[in-house]
C-alpha cells in the first residue's frame, strides 16, 4: 500500500491523548515534508510508531515531553522519537532490538514489559527494507530513528 507517512500520525496521537489521561505528556511534533509516499504496510508502520511512543512515555515518567520528527527526502521517510527519560546504557545499544532483551539495572526493573516491542518494531522496519537505530545515554534520554524507503510518485518535483 502506498500512503503518506503523516497520515498515521493524527490517528496515533489522538489514540495517545485518550490513553494518556493520567500523565498528560505533551508531544512536540515537527514535520518537514516533501512530496513522496511510502510503499509499506500502513498498519505495521503505525505499530512501529505506537511501540516507539509507548516506550518513550513508559521510560520518561518525570519528563516534560516527547518530540516526534517526520522528514521525507528523495530516498526515504524518517521518523525520529526523542524522549528525556532514563536512557539506555551504551553497552545495551547493540542488543536493544533483540527479542526478549531488557536492559539491566535497578531503574529498569521498575518498568513492566517483556522486551518484545523494539524487537517487533525492528522486524517490521527491516521487512520494509528500512533501518532503525538508537542514540542514548544513561540518565539523558533516548532518540530512536526509523527510515523507510519511499516510492516517489511520477512527475513530482522534489
C-alpha atoms as a PDB file:
ATOM      1  CA  UNK A   1       0.000   0.000   0.000  1.00  0.00           C
ATOM      2  CA  UNK A   2       1.275   3.463  -0.819  1.00  0.00           C
ATOM      3  CA  UNK A   3       0.485   6.192   1.725  1.00  0.00           C
ATOM      4  CA  UNK A   4       1.761   9.423   3.176  1.00  0.00           C
ATOM      5  CA  UNK A   5       3.553   8.755   6.469  1.00  0.00           C
ATOM      6  CA  UNK A   6       1.978  11.798   8.114  1.00  0.00           C
ATOM      7  CA  UNK A   7      -1.469  10.160   7.718  1.00  0.00           C
ATOM      8  CA  UNK A   8      -0.781   7.748  10.574  1.00  0.00           C
ATOM      9  CA  UNK A   9       0.338  10.481  12.945  1.00  0.00           C
ATOM     10  CA  UNK A  10      -3.013  12.117  13.569  1.00  0.00           C
ATOM     11  CA  UNK A  11      -4.729   8.821  14.418  1.00  0.00           C
ATOM     12  CA  UNK A  12      -1.842   7.604  16.586  1.00  0.00           C
ATOM     13  CA  UNK A  13      -1.564  10.868  18.527  1.00  0.00           C
ATOM     14  CA  UNK A  14      -5.317  11.033  19.089  1.00  0.00           C
ATOM     15  CA  UNK A  15      -5.115   7.493  20.466  1.00  0.00           C
ATOM     16  CA  UNK A  16      -2.319   8.546  22.809  1.00  0.00           C
ATOM     17  CA  UNK A  17      -4.204  11.605  24.034  1.00  0.00           C
ATOM     18  CA  UNK A  18      -7.072   9.294  25.018  1.00  0.00           C
ATOM     19  CA  UNK A  19      -4.776   6.687  26.631  1.00  0.00           C
ATOM     20  CA  UNK A  20      -2.563   9.195  28.452  1.00  0.00           C
ATOM     21  CA  UNK A  21      -5.314  10.539  30.708  1.00  0.00           C
ATOM     22  CA  UNK A  22      -3.215  10.190  33.862  1.00  0.00           C
ATOM     23  CA  UNK A  23       0.105  11.535  32.630  1.00  0.00           C
ATOM     24  CA  UNK A  24      -0.774  14.248  30.114  1.00  0.00           C
ATOM     25  CA  UNK A  25       2.636  14.132  28.429  1.00  0.00           C
ATOM     26  CA  UNK A  26       2.868  16.816  25.750  1.00  0.00           C
ATOM     27  CA  UNK A  27       4.109  15.872  22.298  1.00  0.00           C
ATOM     28  CA  UNK A  28       6.139  18.225  20.173  1.00  0.00           C
ATOM     29  CA  UNK A  29       5.759  17.274  16.530  1.00  0.00           C
ATOM     30  CA  UNK A  30       7.865  18.668  13.733  1.00  0.00           C
ATOM     31  CA  UNK A  31       7.037  17.615  10.203  1.00  0.00           C
ATOM     32  CA  UNK A  32       9.314  18.524   7.304  1.00  0.00           C
ATOM     33  CA  UNK A  33       7.761  17.133   4.211  1.00  0.00           C
ATOM     34  CA  UNK A  34       8.434  16.798   0.540  1.00  0.00           C
ATOM     35  CA  UNK A  35       6.218  15.067  -1.940  1.00  0.00           C
ATOM     36  CA  UNK A  36       6.592  11.320  -1.957  1.00  0.00           C
ATOM     37  CA  UNK A  37       4.879   8.369  -0.445  1.00  0.00           C
ATOM     38  CA  UNK A  38       5.983   5.287   1.387  1.00  0.00           C
ATOM     39  CA  UNK A  39       5.223   1.919  -0.140  1.00  0.00           C
ATOM     40  CA  UNK A  40       4.582  -0.045   3.047  1.00  0.00           C
ATOM     41  CA  UNK A  41       2.052  -1.764   5.227  1.00  0.00           C
ATOM     42  CA  UNK A  42       0.335   1.205   6.868  1.00  0.00           C
ATOM     43  CA  UNK A  43      -0.860  -0.776   9.904  1.00  0.00           C
ATOM     44  CA  UNK A  44       2.607  -2.208  10.588  1.00  0.00           C
ATOM     45  CA  UNK A  45       4.295   1.203  10.297  1.00  0.00           C
ATOM     46  CA  UNK A  46       1.653   2.582  12.679  1.00  0.00           C
ATOM     47  CA  UNK A  47       2.595  -0.255  15.057  1.00  0.00           C
ATOM     48  CA  UNK A  48       6.265   0.820  14.911  1.00  0.00           C
ATOM     49  CA  UNK A  49       5.270   4.383  15.810  1.00  0.00           C
ATOM     50  CA  UNK A  50       2.994   3.109  18.578  1.00  0.00           C
ATOM     51  CA  UNK A  51       5.818   0.974  20.053  1.00  0.00           C
ATOM     52  CA  UNK A  52       8.293   3.876  19.994  1.00  0.00           C
ATOM     53  CA  UNK A  53       5.831   6.314  21.572  1.00  0.00           C
ATOM     54  CA  UNK A  54       4.761   3.781  24.218  1.00  0.00           C
ATOM     55  CA  UNK A  55       8.390   3.240  25.231  1.00  0.00           C
ATOM     56  CA  UNK A  56       9.088   6.975  25.247  1.00  0.00           C
ATOM     57  CA  UNK A  57       6.183   7.537  27.624  1.00  0.00           C
ATOM     58  CA  UNK A  58       6.923   4.494  29.790  1.00  0.00           C
ATOM     59  CA  UNK A  59      10.622   5.255  30.271  1.00  0.00           C
ATOM     60  CA  UNK A  60      10.146   9.000  30.791  1.00  0.00           C
ATOM     61  CA  UNK A  61       7.909   9.193  33.856  1.00  0.00           C
ATOM     62  CA  UNK A  62       9.323  12.534  35.027  1.00  0.00           C
ATOM     63  CA  UNK A  63       9.692  14.086  31.579  1.00  0.00           C
ATOM     64  CA  UNK A  64       8.084  17.261  30.308  1.00  0.00           C
ATOM     65  CA  UNK A  65       7.512  15.922  26.819  1.00  0.00           C
ATOM     66  CA  UNK A  66       8.383  13.778  23.865  1.00  0.00           C
ATOM     67  CA  UNK A  67       9.499  15.097  20.497  1.00  0.00           C
ATOM     68  CA  UNK A  68       8.458  13.447  17.254  1.00  0.00           C
ATOM     69  CA  UNK A  69      10.022  14.428  13.925  1.00  0.00           C
ATOM     70  CA  UNK A  70       8.959  13.299  10.468  1.00  0.00           C
ATOM     71  CA  UNK A  71      11.006  14.133   7.416  1.00  0.00           C
ATOM     72  CA  UNK A  72      10.888  12.961   3.814  1.00  0.00           C
ATOM     73  CA  UNK A  73      13.668  13.264   1.297  1.00  0.00           C
ATOM     74  CA  UNK A  74      14.021  11.755  -2.162  1.00  0.00           C
ATOM     75  CA  UNK A  75      15.093   8.342  -0.863  1.00  0.00           C
ATOM     76  CA  UNK A  76      13.368   7.794   2.467  1.00  0.00           C
ATOM     77  CA  UNK A  77      10.930   8.927   5.096  1.00  0.00           C
ATOM     78  CA  UNK A  78      12.364   9.256   8.580  1.00  0.00           C
ATOM     79  CA  UNK A  79      10.588   9.148  11.934  1.00  0.00           C
ATOM     80  CA  UNK A  80      12.515  10.260  14.999  1.00  0.00           C
ATOM     81  CA  UNK A  81      11.151   9.890  18.542  1.00  0.00           C
ATOM     82  CA  UNK A  82      13.119  11.696  21.245  1.00  0.00           C
ATOM     83  CA  UNK A  83      12.464  11.382  24.958  1.00  0.00           C
ATOM     84  CA  UNK A  84      14.111  12.773  28.067  1.00  0.00           C
ATOM     85  CA  UNK A  85      13.769   9.672  30.209  1.00  0.00           C
ATOM     86  CA  UNK A  86      16.093   7.209  31.902  1.00  0.00           C
ATOM     87  CA  UNK A  87      18.172   6.499  28.796  1.00  0.00           C
ATOM     88  CA  UNK A  88      19.933   3.307  27.757  1.00  0.00           C
ATOM     89  CA  UNK A  89      23.485   2.387  28.671  1.00  0.00           C
ATOM     90  CA  UNK A  90      25.744   2.219  25.603  1.00  0.00           C
ATOM     91  CA  UNK A  91      26.576  -1.439  26.310  1.00  0.00           C
ATOM     92  CA  UNK A  92      22.887  -2.272  25.677  1.00  0.00           C
ATOM     93  CA  UNK A  93      22.553  -0.454  22.338  1.00  0.00           C
ATOM     94  CA  UNK A  94      23.681  -3.427  20.262  1.00  0.00           C
ATOM     95  CA  UNK A  95      21.170  -5.796  21.872  1.00  0.00           C
ATOM     96  CA  UNK A  96      18.194  -3.494  22.449  1.00  0.00           C
ATOM     97  CA  UNK A  97      16.406  -4.785  19.304  1.00  0.00           C
ATOM     98  CA  UNK A  98      16.762  -8.478  20.224  1.00  0.00           C
ATOM     99  CA  UNK A  99      13.707 -10.499  21.188  1.00  0.00           C
ATOM    100  CA  UNK A 100      13.052 -10.531  24.961  1.00  0.00           C
ATOM    101  CA  UNK A 101      16.091  -8.380  25.675  1.00  0.00           C
ATOM    102  CA  UNK A 102      15.676  -5.909  28.511  1.00  0.00           C
ATOM    103  CA  UNK A 103      18.405  -3.619  29.692  1.00  0.00           C
ATOM    104  CA  UNK A 104      19.659  -4.486  33.151  1.00  0.00           C
ATOM    105  CA  UNK A 105      19.753  -2.062  36.009  1.00  0.00           C
ATOM    106  CA  UNK A 106      17.923  -1.026  39.110  1.00  0.00           C
ATOM    107  CA  UNK A 107      15.646   1.502  37.409  1.00  0.00           C
ATOM    108  CA  UNK A 108      14.725  -0.812  34.510  1.00  0.00           C
ATOM    109  CA  UNK A 109      13.305  -3.408  36.905  1.00  0.00           C
ATOM    110  CA  UNK A 110      10.528  -0.999  37.910  1.00  0.00           C
ATOM    111  CA  UNK A 111       9.086  -0.802  34.375  1.00  0.00           C
ATOM    112  CA  UNK A 112       6.772  -3.574  33.154  1.00  0.00           C
ATOM    113  CA  UNK A 113       7.315  -5.296  29.821  1.00  0.00           C
ATOM    114  CA  UNK A 114       8.543  -8.403  28.062  1.00  0.00           C
ATOM    115  CA  UNK A 115      11.261  -6.944  25.852  1.00  0.00           C
ATOM    116  CA  UNK A 116       9.472  -7.525  22.552  1.00  0.00           C
ATOM    117  CA  UNK A 117       8.310  -4.047  21.491  1.00  0.00           C
ATOM    118  CA  UNK A 118      11.595  -2.898  19.977  1.00  0.00           C
ATOM    119  CA  UNK A 119      12.189  -6.357  18.502  1.00  0.00           C
ATOM    120  CA  UNK A 120       8.820  -6.207  16.722  1.00  0.00           C
ATOM    121  CA  UNK A 121       9.483  -2.639  15.559  1.00  0.00           C
ATOM    122  CA  UNK A 122      12.886  -3.675  14.230  1.00  0.00           C
ATOM    123  CA  UNK A 123      11.471  -6.691  12.369  1.00  0.00           C
ATOM    124  CA  UNK A 124       8.742  -4.584  10.750  1.00  0.00           C
ATOM    125  CA  UNK A 125      11.221  -1.916   9.674  1.00  0.00           C
ATOM    126  CA  UNK A 126      13.672  -4.478   8.272  1.00  0.00           C
ATOM    127  CA  UNK A 127      10.897  -6.188   6.291  1.00  0.00           C
ATOM    128  CA  UNK A 128      10.222  -2.825   4.696  1.00  0.00           C
ATOM    129  CA  UNK A 129      13.917  -2.524   3.691  1.00  0.00           C
ATOM    130  CA  UNK A 130      14.367   0.209   6.259  1.00  0.00           C
ATOM    131  CA  UNK A 131      16.580   0.821   9.246  1.00  0.00           C
ATOM    132  CA  UNK A 132      16.085   1.553  12.933  1.00  0.00           C
ATOM    133  CA  UNK A 133      18.690   2.936  15.309  1.00  0.00           C
ATOM    134  CA  UNK A 134      19.100   4.296  18.807  1.00  0.00           C
ATOM    135  CA  UNK A 135      21.208   7.048  20.308  1.00  0.00           C
ATOM    136  CA  UNK A 136      21.036   7.162  24.055  1.00  0.00           C
ATOM    137  CA  UNK A 137      22.961   7.836  27.202  1.00  0.00           C
ATOM    138  CA  UNK A 138      22.044   6.578  30.626  1.00  0.00           C
ATOM    139  CA  UNK A 139      20.122   9.266  32.509  1.00  0.00           C
ATOM    140  CA  UNK A 140      19.797  11.544  29.461  1.00  0.00           C
ATOM    141  CA  UNK A 141      17.003  10.071  27.365  1.00  0.00           C
ATOM    142  CA  UNK A 142      16.873   8.304  24.025  1.00  0.00           C
ATOM    143  CA  UNK A 143      16.476   9.072  20.347  1.00  0.00           C
ATOM    144  CA  UNK A 144      15.060   6.347  18.104  1.00  0.00           C
ATOM    145  CA  UNK A 145      15.239   6.876  14.352  1.00  0.00           C
ATOM    146  CA  UNK A 146      13.385   4.855  11.720  1.00  0.00           C
ATOM    147  CA  UNK A 147      13.993   5.286   7.989  1.00  0.00           C
ATOM    148  CA  UNK A 148      11.762   3.684   5.372  1.00  0.00           C
ATOM    149  CA  UNK A 149      12.389   3.920   1.606  1.00  0.00           C
ATOM    150  CA  UNK A 150       9.763   5.964  -0.213  1.00  0.00           C
ATOM    151  CA  UNK A 151       8.197   5.450  -3.573  1.00  0.00           C
ATOM    152  CA  UNK A 152       8.105   8.777  -5.341  1.00  0.00           C
ATOM    153  CA  UNK A 153       5.037   9.485  -7.405  1.00  0.00           C
ATOM    154  CA  UNK A 154       5.770  10.002 -11.109  1.00  0.00           C
ATOM    155  CA  UNK A 155       6.203  13.578 -12.413  1.00  0.00           C
ATOM    156  CA  UNK A 156       6.676  15.149  -8.986  1.00  0.00           C
ATOM    157  CA  UNK A 157       9.165  17.892  -8.342  1.00  0.00           C
ATOM    158  CA  UNK A 158      11.353  17.151  -5.355  1.00  0.00           C
END
